[in-house]
Amino acid sequence: MDLNLIMYLIPSLIMFGCGVYGFITRKNMIAILISLELMLNSVDINFVVFNRYLFPAQQEGMFFTLFAIAIAAAETAVAIAIIINVYRAAKNVDINQITKMKF
């Protein structure tokens, strides 16, 4: 494997691991959303790196990454809207308290 490829994959792996750890251990919905975005950004880095490594003259990985970033932005907007509505109803964004709610 190329050393430049590894220099990009190691930080991406660390970012993804931090995102998984944060997603599993956090109880706040905002922190879970941030961890999810960290994992998505790590995957976007991998798309670009593998596109440059496997097909250096083509741009499919770049376009797919831009599309994934746009989808992630839309997903974040919807998730924040849901979190705001949950906070208005429950005055709390803790996952354990939300599962106890009765609508």
PDB file of N, CA and C in Angstrom:
ATOM      1  N   MET A   1       0.834  -1.181   0.000  1.00  0.00           N
ATOM      2  CA  MET A   1       0.000   0.000   0.000  1.00  0.00           C
ATOM      3  C   MET A   1       0.877   1.241   0.000  1.00  0.00           C
ATOM      4  N   ASP A   2       0.367   2.264  -0.589  1.00  0.00           N
ATOM      5  CA  ASP A   2       1.078   3.520  -0.683  1.00  0.00           C
ATOM      6  C   ASP A   2       1.067   4.236   0.677  1.00  0.00           C
ATOM      7  N   LEU A   3       2.166   4.864   1.027  1.00  0.00           N
ATOM      8  CA  LEU A   3       2.266   5.566   2.309  1.00  0.00           C
ATOM      9  C   LEU A   3       1.308   6.749   2.376  1.00  0.00           C
ATOM     10  N   ASN A   4       1.102   7.438   1.246  1.00  0.00           N
ATOM     11  CA  ASN A   4       0.165   8.557   1.235  1.00  0.00           C
ATOM     12  C   ASN A   4      -1.261   8.091   1.504  1.00  0.00           C
ATOM     13  N   LEU A   5      -1.609   6.925   1.011  1.00  0.00           N
ATOM     14  CA  LEU A   5      -2.937   6.370   1.262  1.00  0.00           C
ATOM     15  C   LEU A   5      -3.122   6.097   2.751  1.00  0.00           C
ATOM     16  N   ILE A   6      -2.125   5.524   3.377  1.00  0.00           N
ATOM     17  CA  ILE A   6      -2.210   5.216   4.808  1.00  0.00           C
ATOM     18  C   ILE A   6      -2.274   6.487   5.634  1.00  0.00           C
ATOM     19  N   MET A   7      -1.582   7.534   5.194  1.00  0.00           N
ATOM     20  CA  MET A   7      -1.596   8.796   5.930  1.00  0.00           C
ATOM     21  C   MET A   7      -2.978   9.434   5.947  1.00  0.00           C
ATOM     22  N   TYR A   8      -3.835   9.109   4.992  1.00  0.00           N
ATOM     23  CA  TYR A   8      -5.207   9.595   4.992  1.00  0.00           C
ATOM     24  C   TYR A   8      -6.157   8.618   5.679  1.00  0.00           C
ATOM     25  N   LEU A   9      -5.872   7.339   5.585  1.00  0.00           N
ATOM     26  CA  LEU A   9      -6.795   6.347   6.147  1.00  0.00           C
ATOM     27  C   LEU A   9      -6.714   6.258   7.671  1.00  0.00           C
ATOM     28  N   ILE A  10      -5.535   6.474   8.240  1.00  0.00           N
ATOM     29  CA  ILE A  10      -5.401   6.399   9.705  1.00  0.00           C
ATOM     30  C   ILE A  10      -6.233   7.484  10.406  1.00  0.00           C
ATOM     31  N   PRO A  11      -6.146   8.762  10.007  1.00  0.00           N
ATOM     32  CA  PRO A  11      -7.024   9.756  10.653  1.00  0.00           C
ATOM     33  C   PRO A  11      -8.507   9.479  10.405  1.00  0.00           C
ATOM     34  N   SER A  12      -8.823   8.960   9.225  1.00  0.00           N
ATOM     35  CA  SER A  12     -10.209   8.615   8.941  1.00  0.00           C
ATOM     36  C   SER A  12     -10.692   7.491   9.856  1.00  0.00           C
ATOM     37  N   LEU A  13      -9.828   6.514  10.086  1.00  0.00           N
ATOM     38  CA  LEU A  13     -10.171   5.421  11.002  1.00  0.00           C
ATOM     39  C   LEU A  13     -10.348   5.933  12.427  1.00  0.00           C
ATOM     40  N   ILE A  14      -9.493   6.834  12.842  1.00  0.00           N
ATOM     41  CA  ILE A  14      -9.609   7.413  14.188  1.00  0.00           C
ATOM     42  C   ILE A  14     -10.903   8.212  14.310  1.00  0.00           C
ATOM     43  N   MET A  15     -11.230   8.997  13.277  1.00  0.00           N
ATOM     44  CA  MET A  15     -12.483   9.759  13.292  1.00  0.00           C
ATOM     45  C   MET A  15     -13.687   8.829  13.378  1.00  0.00           C
ATOM     46  N   PHE A  16     -13.656   7.760  12.597  1.00  0.00           N
ATOM     47  CA  PHE A  16     -14.789   6.836  12.614  1.00  0.00           C
ATOM     48  C   PHE A  16     -14.906   6.144  13.970  1.00  0.00           C
ATOM     49  N   GLY A  17     -13.775   5.753  14.548  1.00  0.00           N
ATOM     50  CA  GLY A  17     -13.798   5.125  15.870  1.00  0.00           C
ATOM     51  C   GLY A  17     -14.327   6.069  16.942  1.00  0.00           C
ATOM     52  N   CYS A  18     -13.918   7.329  16.895  1.00  0.00           N
ATOM     53  CA  CYS A  18     -14.434   8.319  17.855  1.00  0.00           C
ATOM     54  C   CYS A  18     -15.933   8.523  17.662  1.00  0.00           C
ATOM     55  N   GLY A  19     -16.376   8.510  16.413  1.00  0.00           N
ATOM     56  CA  GLY A  19     -17.806   8.659  16.146  1.00  0.00           C
ATOM     57  C   GLY A  19     -18.618   7.486  16.667  1.00  0.00           C
ATOM     58  N   VAL A  20     -18.123   6.276  16.460  1.00  0.00           N
ATOM     59  CA  VAL A  20     -18.828   5.088  16.967  1.00  0.00           C
ATOM     60  C   VAL A  20     -18.863   5.108  18.492  1.00  0.00           C
ATOM     61  N   TYR A  21     -17.731   5.441  19.103  1.00  0.00           N
ATOM     62  CA  TYR A  21     -17.676   5.499  20.565  1.00  0.00           C
ATOM     63  C   TYR A  21     -18.660   6.553  21.104  1.00  0.00           C
ATOM     64  N   GLY A  22     -18.668   7.723  20.484  1.00  0.00           N
ATOM     65  CA  GLY A  22     -19.590   8.766  20.914  1.00  0.00           C
ATOM     66  C   GLY A  22     -21.040   8.385  20.694  1.00  0.00           C
ATOM     67  N   PHE A  23     -21.324   7.704  19.589  1.00  0.00           N
ATOM     68  CA  PHE A  23     -22.697   7.295  19.297  1.00  0.00           C
ATOM     69  C   PHE A  23     -23.192   6.278  20.311  1.00  0.00           C
ATOM     70  N   ILE A  24     -22.319   5.378  20.735  1.00  0.00           N
ATOM     71  CA  ILE A  24     -22.731   4.329  21.667  1.00  0.00           C
ATOM     72  C   ILE A  24     -22.822   4.847  23.100  1.00  0.00           C
ATOM     73  N   THR A  25     -21.915   5.720  23.503  1.00  0.00           N
ATOM     74  CA  THR A  25     -21.833   6.099  24.914  1.00  0.00           C
ATOM     75  C   THR A  25     -22.641   7.330  25.289  1.00  0.00           C
ATOM     76  N   ARG A  26     -22.958   8.199  24.367  1.00  0.00           N
ATOM     77  CA  ARG A  26     -23.645   9.450  24.709  1.00  0.00           C
ATOM     78  C   ARG A  26     -25.132   9.226  24.921  1.00  0.00           C
ATOM     79  N   LYS A  27     -25.708  10.047  25.786  1.00  0.00           N
ATOM     80  CA  LYS A  27     -27.144   9.983  26.049  1.00  0.00           C
ATOM     81  C   LYS A  27     -27.868  11.222  25.540  1.00  0.00           C
ATOM     82  N   ASN A  28     -27.124  12.251  25.161  1.00  0.00           N
ATOM     83  CA  ASN A  28     -27.709  13.476  24.651  1.00  0.00           C
ATOM     84  C   ASN A  28     -27.905  13.342  23.144  1.00  0.00           C
ATOM     85  N   MET A  29     -29.063  13.753  22.655  1.00  0.00           N
ATOM     86  CA  MET A  29     -29.348  13.592  21.232  1.00  0.00           C
ATOM     87  C   MET A  29     -28.452  14.460  20.354  1.00  0.00           C
ATOM     88  N   ILE A  30     -28.071  15.634  20.823  1.00  0.00           N
ATOM     89  CA  ILE A  30     -27.179  16.490  20.051  1.00  0.00           C
ATOM     90  C   ILE A  30     -25.799  15.844  19.937  1.00  0.00           C
ATOM     91  N   ALA A  31     -25.296  15.276  21.024  1.00  0.00           N
ATOM     92  CA  ALA A  31     -23.990  14.605  20.993  1.00  0.00           C
ATOM     93  C   ALA A  31     -24.028  13.379  20.084  1.00  0.00           C
ATOM     94  N   ILE A  32     -25.129  12.666  20.065  1.00  0.00           N
ATOM     95  CA  ILE A  32     -25.279  11.521  19.167  1.00  0.00           C
ATOM     96  C   ILE A  32     -25.287  11.985  17.718  1.00  0.00           C
ATOM     97  N   LEU A  33     -25.947  13.096  17.438  1.00  0.00           N
ATOM     98  CA  LEU A  33     -25.972  13.638  16.086  1.00  0.00           C
ATOM     99  C   LEU A  33     -24.575  14.073  15.643  1.00  0.00           C
ATOM    100  N   ILE A  34     -23.814  14.690  16.532  1.00  0.00           N
ATOM    101  CA  ILE A  34     -22.449  15.095  16.210  1.00  0.00           C
ATOM    102  C   ILE A  34     -21.583  13.865  15.933  1.00  0.00           C
ATOM    103  N   SER A  35     -21.752  12.817  16.719  1.00  0.00           N
ATOM    104  CA  SER A  35     -20.993  11.586  16.494  1.00  0.00           C
ATOM    105  C   SER A  35     -21.347  10.958  15.155  1.00  0.00           C
ATOM    106  N   LEU A  36     -22.603  10.989  14.797  1.00  0.00           N
ATOM    107  CA  LEU A  36     -23.034  10.467  13.504  1.00  0.00           C
ATOM    108  C   LEU A  36     -22.417  11.269  12.354  1.00  0.00           C
ATOM    109  N   GLU A  37     -22.377  12.575  12.492  1.00  0.00           N
ATOM    110  CA  GLU A  37     -21.761  13.413  11.464  1.00  0.00           C
ATOM    111  C   GLU A  37     -20.261  13.147  11.368  1.00  0.00           C
ATOM    112  N   LEU A  38     -19.615  12.873  12.483  1.00  0.00           N
ATOM    113  CA  LEU A  38     -18.196  12.538  12.471  1.00  0.00           C
ATOM    114  C   LEU A  38     -17.956  11.251  11.678  1.00  0.00           C
ATOM    115  N   MET A  39     -18.826  10.268  11.871  1.00  0.00           N
ATOM    116  CA  MET A  39     -18.696   9.027  11.103  1.00  0.00           C
ATOM    117  C   MET A  39     -18.934   9.266   9.615  1.00  0.00           C
ATOM    118  N   LEU A  40     -19.927  10.085   9.268  1.00  0.00           N
ATOM    119  CA  LEU A  40     -20.202  10.367   7.862  1.00  0.00           C
ATOM    120  C   LEU A  40     -19.041  11.109   7.202  1.00  0.00           C
ATOM    121  N   ASN A  41     -18.421  12.035   7.913  1.00  0.00           N
ATOM    122  CA  ASN A  41     -17.268  12.747   7.359  1.00  0.00           C
ATOM    123  C   ASN A  41     -16.080  11.816   7.169  1.00  0.00           C
ATOM    124  N   SER A  42     -15.921  10.863   8.052  1.00  0.00           N
ATOM    125  CA  SER A  42     -14.856   9.881   7.903  1.00  0.00           C
ATOM    126  C   SER A  42     -15.070   9.050   6.638  1.00  0.00           C
ATOM    127  N   VAL A  43     -16.286   8.653   6.390  1.00  0.00           N
ATOM    128  CA  VAL A  43     -16.600   7.886   5.179  1.00  0.00           C
ATOM    129  C   VAL A  43     -16.372   8.739   3.933  1.00  0.00           C
ATOM    130  N   ASP A  44     -16.702  10.024   4.004  1.00  0.00           N
ATOM    131  CA  ASP A  44     -16.453  10.908   2.863  1.00  0.00           C
ATOM    132  C   ASP A  44     -14.965  11.017   2.557  1.00  0.00           C
ATOM    133  N   ILE A  45     -14.138  11.088   3.581  1.00  0.00           N
ATOM    134  CA  ILE A  45     -12.690  11.107   3.366  1.00  0.00           C
ATOM    135  C   ILE A  45     -12.248   9.822   2.665  1.00  0.00           C
ATOM    136  N   ASN A  46     -12.802   8.695   3.082  1.00  0.00           N
ATOM    137  CA  ASN A  46     -12.449   7.421   2.439  1.00  0.00           C
ATOM    138  C   ASN A  46     -12.872   7.387   0.978  1.00  0.00           C
ATOM    139  N   PHE A  47     -14.041   7.938   0.647  1.00  0.00           N
ATOM    140  CA  PHE A  47     -14.471   7.998  -0.751  1.00  0.00           C
ATOM    141  C   PHE A  47     -13.448   8.736  -1.599  1.00  0.00           C
ATOM    142  N   VAL A  48     -13.015   9.891  -1.122  1.00  0.00           N
ATOM    143  CA  VAL A  48     -12.080  10.697  -1.894  1.00  0.00           C
ATOM    144  C   VAL A  48     -10.723  10.000  -2.009  1.00  0.00           C
ATOM    145  N   VAL A  49     -10.235   9.453  -0.912  1.00  0.00           N
ATOM    146  CA  VAL A  49      -8.912   8.820  -0.916  1.00  0.00           C
ATOM    147  C   VAL A  49      -8.892   7.610  -1.839  1.00  0.00           C
ATOM    148  N   PHE A  50      -9.888   6.744  -1.736  1.00  0.00           N
ATOM    149  CA  PHE A  50      -9.899   5.565  -2.596  1.00  0.00           C
ATOM    150  C   PHE A  50     -10.142   5.923  -4.059  1.00  0.00           C
ATOM    151  N   ASN A  51     -10.910   6.973  -4.318  1.00  0.00           N
ATOM    152  CA  ASN A  51     -11.071   7.410  -5.706  1.00  0.00           C
ATOM    153  C   ASN A  51      -9.739   7.876  -6.275  1.00  0.00           C
ATOM    154  N   ARG A  52      -8.981   8.633  -5.512  1.00  0.00           N
ATOM    155  CA  ARG A  52      -7.676   9.117  -5.979  1.00  0.00           C
ATOM    156  C   ARG A  52      -6.677   7.972  -6.122  1.00  0.00           C
ATOM    157  N   TYR A  53      -6.795   6.975  -5.263  1.00  0.00           N
ATOM    158  CA  TYR A  53      -5.848   5.861  -5.312  1.00  0.00           C
ATOM    159  C   TYR A  53      -6.163   4.888  -6.450  1.00  0.00           C
ATOM    160  N   LEU A  54      -7.430   4.569  -6.633  1.00  0.00           N
ATOM    161  CA  LEU A  54      -7.807   3.570  -7.630  1.00  0.00           C
ATOM    162  C   LEU A  54      -7.987   4.148  -9.033  1.00  0.00           C
ATOM    163  N   PHE A  55      -8.597   5.331  -9.108  1.00  0.00           N
ATOM    164  CA  PHE A  55      -8.884   5.962 -10.403  1.00  0.00           C
ATOM    165  C   PHE A  55      -8.439   7.416 -10.367  1.00  0.00           C
ATOM    166  N   PRO A  56      -7.153   7.678 -10.507  1.00  0.00           N
ATOM    167  CA  PRO A  56      -6.646   9.046 -10.330  1.00  0.00           C
ATOM    168  C   PRO A  56      -7.170  10.063 -11.345  1.00  0.00           C
ATOM    169  N   ALA A  57      -7.544   9.633 -12.526  1.00  0.00           N
ATOM    170  CA  ALA A  57      -7.981  10.578 -13.551  1.00  0.00           C
ATOM    171  C   ALA A  57      -9.483  10.847 -13.508  1.00  0.00           C
ATOM    172  N   GLN A  58     -10.231  10.107 -12.709  1.00  0.00           N
ATOM    173  CA  GLN A  58     -11.682  10.247 -12.689  1.00  0.00           C
ATOM    174  C   GLN A  58     -12.131  10.980 -11.429  1.00  0.00           C
ATOM    175  N   GLN A  59     -13.354  11.507 -11.479  1.00  0.00           N
ATOM    176  CA  GLN A  59     -13.860  12.344 -10.399  1.00  0.00           C
ATOM    177  C   GLN A  59     -15.106  11.775  -9.708  1.00  0.00           C
ATOM    178  N   GLU A  60     -15.414  10.499  -9.905  1.00  0.00           N
ATOM    179  CA  GLU A  60     -16.648   9.957  -9.337  1.00  0.00           C
ATOM    180  C   GLU A  60     -16.660  10.018  -7.820  1.00  0.00           C
ATOM    181  N   GLY A  61     -15.543   9.742  -7.182  1.00  0.00           N
ATOM    182  CA  GLY A  61     -15.478   9.795  -5.718  1.00  0.00           C
ATOM    183  C   GLY A  61     -15.728  11.183  -5.184  1.00  0.00           C
ATOM    184  N   MET A  62     -15.240  12.184  -5.905  1.00  0.00           N
ATOM    185  CA  MET A  62     -15.460  13.573  -5.495  1.00  0.00           C
ATOM    186  C   MET A  62     -16.937  13.945  -5.580  1.00  0.00           C
ATOM    187  N   PHE A  63     -17.565  13.586  -6.698  1.00  0.00           N
ATOM    188  CA  PHE A  63     -18.973  13.916  -6.862  1.00  0.00           C
ATOM    189  C   PHE A  63     -19.843  13.144  -5.871  1.00  0.00           C
ATOM    190  N   PHE A  64     -19.497  11.891  -5.639  1.00  0.00           N
ATOM    191  CA  PHE A  64     -20.255  11.110  -4.671  1.00  0.00           C
ATOM    192  C   PHE A  64     -20.102  11.701  -3.274  1.00  0.00           C
ATOM    193  N   THR A  65     -18.914  12.189  -2.958  1.00  0.00           N
ATOM    194  CA  THR A  65     -18.690  12.819  -1.660  1.00  0.00           C
ATOM    195  C   THR A  65     -19.498  14.099  -1.527  1.00  0.00           C
ATOM    196  N   LEU A  66     -19.536  14.912  -2.562  1.00  0.00           N
ATOM    197  CA  LEU A  66     -20.351  16.131  -2.512  1.00  0.00           C
ATOM    198  C   LEU A  66     -21.827  15.794  -2.342  1.00  0.00           C
ATOM    199  N   PHE A  67     -22.282  14.763  -3.025  1.00  0.00           N
ATOM    200  CA  PHE A  67     -23.667  14.327  -2.866  1.00  0.00           C
ATOM    201  C   PHE A  67     -23.924  13.841  -1.439  1.00  0.00           C
ATOM    202  N   ALA A  68     -22.979  13.090  -0.870  1.00  0.00           N
ATOM    203  CA  ALA A  68     -23.126  12.592   0.499  1.00  0.00           C
ATOM    204  C   ALA A  68     -23.123  13.734   1.506  1.00  0.00           C
ATOM    205  N   ILE A  69     -22.319  14.764   1.269  1.00  0.00           N
ATOM    206  CA  ILE A  69     -22.311  15.925   2.164  1.00  0.00           C
ATOM    207  C   ILE A  69     -23.647  16.653   2.106  1.00  0.00           C
ATOM    208  N   ALA A  70     -24.223  16.781   0.913  1.00  0.00           N
ATOM    209  CA  ALA A  70     -25.532  17.431   0.782  1.00  0.00           C
ATOM    210  C   ALA A  70     -26.613  16.625   1.492  1.00  0.00           C
ATOM    211  N   ILE A  71     -26.581  15.318   1.354  1.00  0.00           N
ATOM    212  CA  ILE A  71     -27.554  14.469   2.044  1.00  0.00           C
ATOM    213  C   ILE A  71     -27.365  14.562   3.559  1.00  0.00           C
ATOM    214  N   ALA A  72     -26.120  14.593   4.010  1.00  0.00           N
ATOM    215  CA  ALA A  72     -25.840  14.701   5.447  1.00  0.00           C
ATOM    216  C   ALA A  72     -26.335  16.037   5.996  1.00  0.00           C
ATOM    217  N   ALA A  73     -26.206  17.105   5.215  1.00  0.00           N
ATOM    218  CA  ALA A  73     -26.704  18.408   5.665  1.00  0.00           C
ATOM    219  C   ALA A  73     -28.219  18.394   5.797  1.00  0.00           C
ATOM    220  N   ALA A  74     -28.894  17.786   4.839  1.00  0.00           N
ATOM    221  CA  ALA A  74     -30.351  17.682   4.918  1.00  0.00           C
ATOM    222  C   ALA A  74     -30.771  16.807   6.099  1.00  0.00           C
ATOM    223  N   GLU A  75     -30.059  15.718   6.308  1.00  0.00           N
ATOM    224  CA  GLU A  75     -30.351  14.830   7.441  1.00  0.00           C
ATOM    225  C   GLU A  75     -30.139  15.548   8.764  1.00  0.00           C
ATOM    226  N   THR A  76     -29.111  16.367   8.850  1.00  0.00           N
ATOM    227  CA  THR A  76     -28.845  17.114  10.072  1.00  0.00           C
ATOM    228  C   THR A  76     -29.943  18.137  10.334  1.00  0.00           C
ATOM    229  N   ALA A  77     -30.399  18.811   9.291  1.00  0.00           N
ATOM    230  CA  ALA A  77     -31.475  19.786   9.461  1.00  0.00           C
ATOM    231  C   ALA A  77     -32.751  19.127   9.966  1.00  0.00           C
ATOM    232  N   VAL A  78     -33.083  17.983   9.412  1.00  0.00           N
ATOM    233  CA  VAL A  78     -34.282  17.260   9.865  1.00  0.00           C
ATOM    234  C   VAL A  78     -34.101  16.769  11.306  1.00  0.00           C
ATOM    235  N   ALA A  79     -32.920  16.247  11.625  1.00  0.00           N
ATOM    236  CA  ALA A  79     -32.666  15.743  12.977  1.00  0.00           C
ATOM    237  C   ALA A  79     -32.719  16.863  14.008  1.00  0.00           C
ATOM    238  N   ILE A  80     -32.173  18.028  13.684  1.00  0.00           N
ATOM    239  CA  ILE A  80     -32.232  19.152  14.620  1.00  0.00           C
ATOM    240  C   ILE A  80     -33.670  19.622  14.801  1.00  0.00           C
ATOM    241  N   ALA A  81     -34.459  19.619  13.731  1.00  0.00           N
ATOM    242  CA  ALA A  81     -35.876  19.985  13.862  1.00  0.00           C
ATOM    243  C   ALA A  81     -36.611  19.007  14.770  1.00  0.00           C
ATOM    244  N   ILE A  82     -36.327  17.723  14.639  1.00  0.00           N
ATOM    245  CA  ILE A  82     -36.952  16.721  15.512  1.00  0.00           C
ATOM    246  C   ILE A  82     -36.506  16.918  16.953  1.00  0.00           C
ATOM    247  N   ILE A  83     -35.221  17.179  17.160  1.00  0.00           N
ATOM    248  CA  ILE A  83     -34.705  17.383  18.510  1.00  0.00           C
ATOM    249  C   ILE A  83     -35.341  18.616  19.148  1.00  0.00           C
ATOM    250  N   ILE A  84     -35.525  19.683  18.380  1.00  0.00           N
ATOM    251  CA  ILE A  84     -36.165  20.888  18.916  1.00  0.00           C
ATOM    252  C   ILE A  84     -37.603  20.589  19.311  1.00  0.00           C
ATOM    253  N   ASN A  85     -38.324  19.847  18.493  1.00  0.00           N
ATOM    254  CA  ASN A  85     -39.710  19.501  18.847  1.00  0.00           C
ATOM    255  C   ASN A  85     -39.770  18.596  20.071  1.00  0.00           C
ATOM    256  N   VAL A  86     -38.846  17.662  20.200  1.00  0.00           N
ATOM    257  CA  VAL A  86     -38.806  16.810  21.390  1.00  0.00           C
ATOM    258  C   VAL A  86     -38.495  17.651  22.621  1.00  0.00           C
ATOM    259  N   TYR A  87     -37.579  18.606  22.484  1.00  0.00           N
ATOM    260  CA  TYR A  87     -37.238  19.462  23.619  1.00  0.00           C
ATOM    261  C   TYR A  87     -38.429  20.321  24.036  1.00  0.00           C
ATOM    262  N   ARG A  88     -39.193  20.798  23.080  1.00  0.00           N
ATOM    263  CA  ARG A  88     -40.386  21.594  23.410  1.00  0.00           C
ATOM    264  C   ARG A  88     -41.407  20.758  24.178  1.00  0.00           C
ATOM    265  N   ALA A  89     -41.515  19.499  23.831  1.00  0.00           N
ATOM    266  CA  ALA A  89     -42.502  18.641  24.485  1.00  0.00           C
ATOM    267  C   ALA A  89     -42.012  18.131  25.833  1.00  0.00           C
ATOM    268  N   ALA A  90     -40.743  17.768  25.938  1.00  0.00           N
ATOM    269  CA  ALA A  90     -40.246  17.090  27.136  1.00  0.00           C
ATOM    270  C   ALA A  90     -39.325  17.948  27.985  1.00  0.00           C
ATOM    271  N   LYS A  91     -38.864  19.080  27.466  1.00  0.00           N
ATOM    272  CA  LYS A  91     -37.890  19.932  28.163  1.00  0.00           C
ATOM    273  C   LYS A  91     -36.607  19.186  28.499  1.00  0.00           C
ATOM    274  N   ASN A  92     -36.278  18.188  27.673  1.00  0.00           N
ATOM    275  CA  ASN A  92     -35.089  17.377  27.896  1.00  0.00           C
ATOM    276  C   ASN A  92     -34.732  16.686  26.581  1.00  0.00           C
ATOM    277  N   VAL A  93     -33.424  16.520  26.332  1.00  0.00           N
ATOM    278  CA  VAL A  93     -32.996  15.798  25.136  1.00  0.00           C
ATOM    279  C   VAL A  93     -32.178  14.567  25.504  1.00  0.00           C
ATOM    280  N   ASP A  94     -32.394  14.051  26.699  1.00  0.00           N
ATOM    281  CA  ASP A  94     -31.718  12.837  27.150  1.00  0.00           C
ATOM    282  C   ASP A  94     -32.463  11.628  26.601  1.00  0.00           C
ATOM    283  N   ILE A  95     -31.733  10.696  26.006  1.00  0.00           N
ATOM    284  CA  ILE A  95     -32.347   9.527  25.376  1.00  0.00           C
ATOM    285  C   ILE A  95     -33.136   8.687  26.375  1.00  0.00           C
ATOM    286  N   ASN A  96     -32.608   8.517  27.570  1.00  0.00           N
ATOM    287  CA  ASN A  96     -33.299   7.695  28.564  1.00  0.00           C
ATOM    288  C   ASN A  96     -34.627   8.317  28.985  1.00  0.00           C
ATOM    289  N   GLN A  97     -34.694   9.621  29.059  1.00  0.00           N
ATOM    290  CA  GLN A  97     -35.939  10.293  29.442  1.00  0.00           C
ATOM    291  C   GLN A  97     -36.953  10.304  28.300  1.00  0.00           C
ATOM    292  N   ILE A  98     -36.460  10.381  27.085  1.00  0.00           N
ATOM    293  CA  ILE A  98     -37.355  10.422  25.934  1.00  0.00           C
ATOM    294  C   ILE A  98     -38.057   9.091  25.728  1.00  0.00           C
ATOM    295  N   THR A  99     -37.372   7.986  26.005  1.00  0.00           N
ATOM    296  CA  THR A  99     -38.025   6.689  25.811  1.00  0.00           C
ATOM    297  C   THR A  99     -39.118   6.448  26.859  1.00  0.00           C
ATOM    298  N   LYS A 100     -39.090   7.189  27.934  1.00  0.00           N
ATOM    299  CA  LYS A 100     -40.122   7.054  28.965  1.00  0.00           C
ATOM    300  C   LYS A 100     -41.338   7.921  28.705  1.00  0.00           C
ATOM    301  N   MET A 101     -41.251   8.780  27.690  1.00  0.00           N
ATOM    302  CA  MET A 101     -42.367   9.693  27.387  1.00  0.00           C
ATOM    303  C   MET A 101     -43.561   8.928  26.855  1.00  0.00           C
ATOM    304  N   LYS A 102     -44.724   9.430  27.171  1.00  0.00           N
ATOM    305  CA  LYS A 102     -45.957   8.860  26.632  1.00  0.00           C
ATOM    306  C   LYS A 102     -46.645   9.953  25.837  1.00  0.00           C
ATOM    307  N   PHE A 103     -46.788   9.705  24.541  1.00  0.00           N
ATOM    308  CA  PHE A 103     -47.431  10.701  23.686  1.00  0.00           C
ATOM    309  C   PHE A 103     -48.887  10.391  23.547  1.00  0.00           C
TER     310      PHE A 103
END
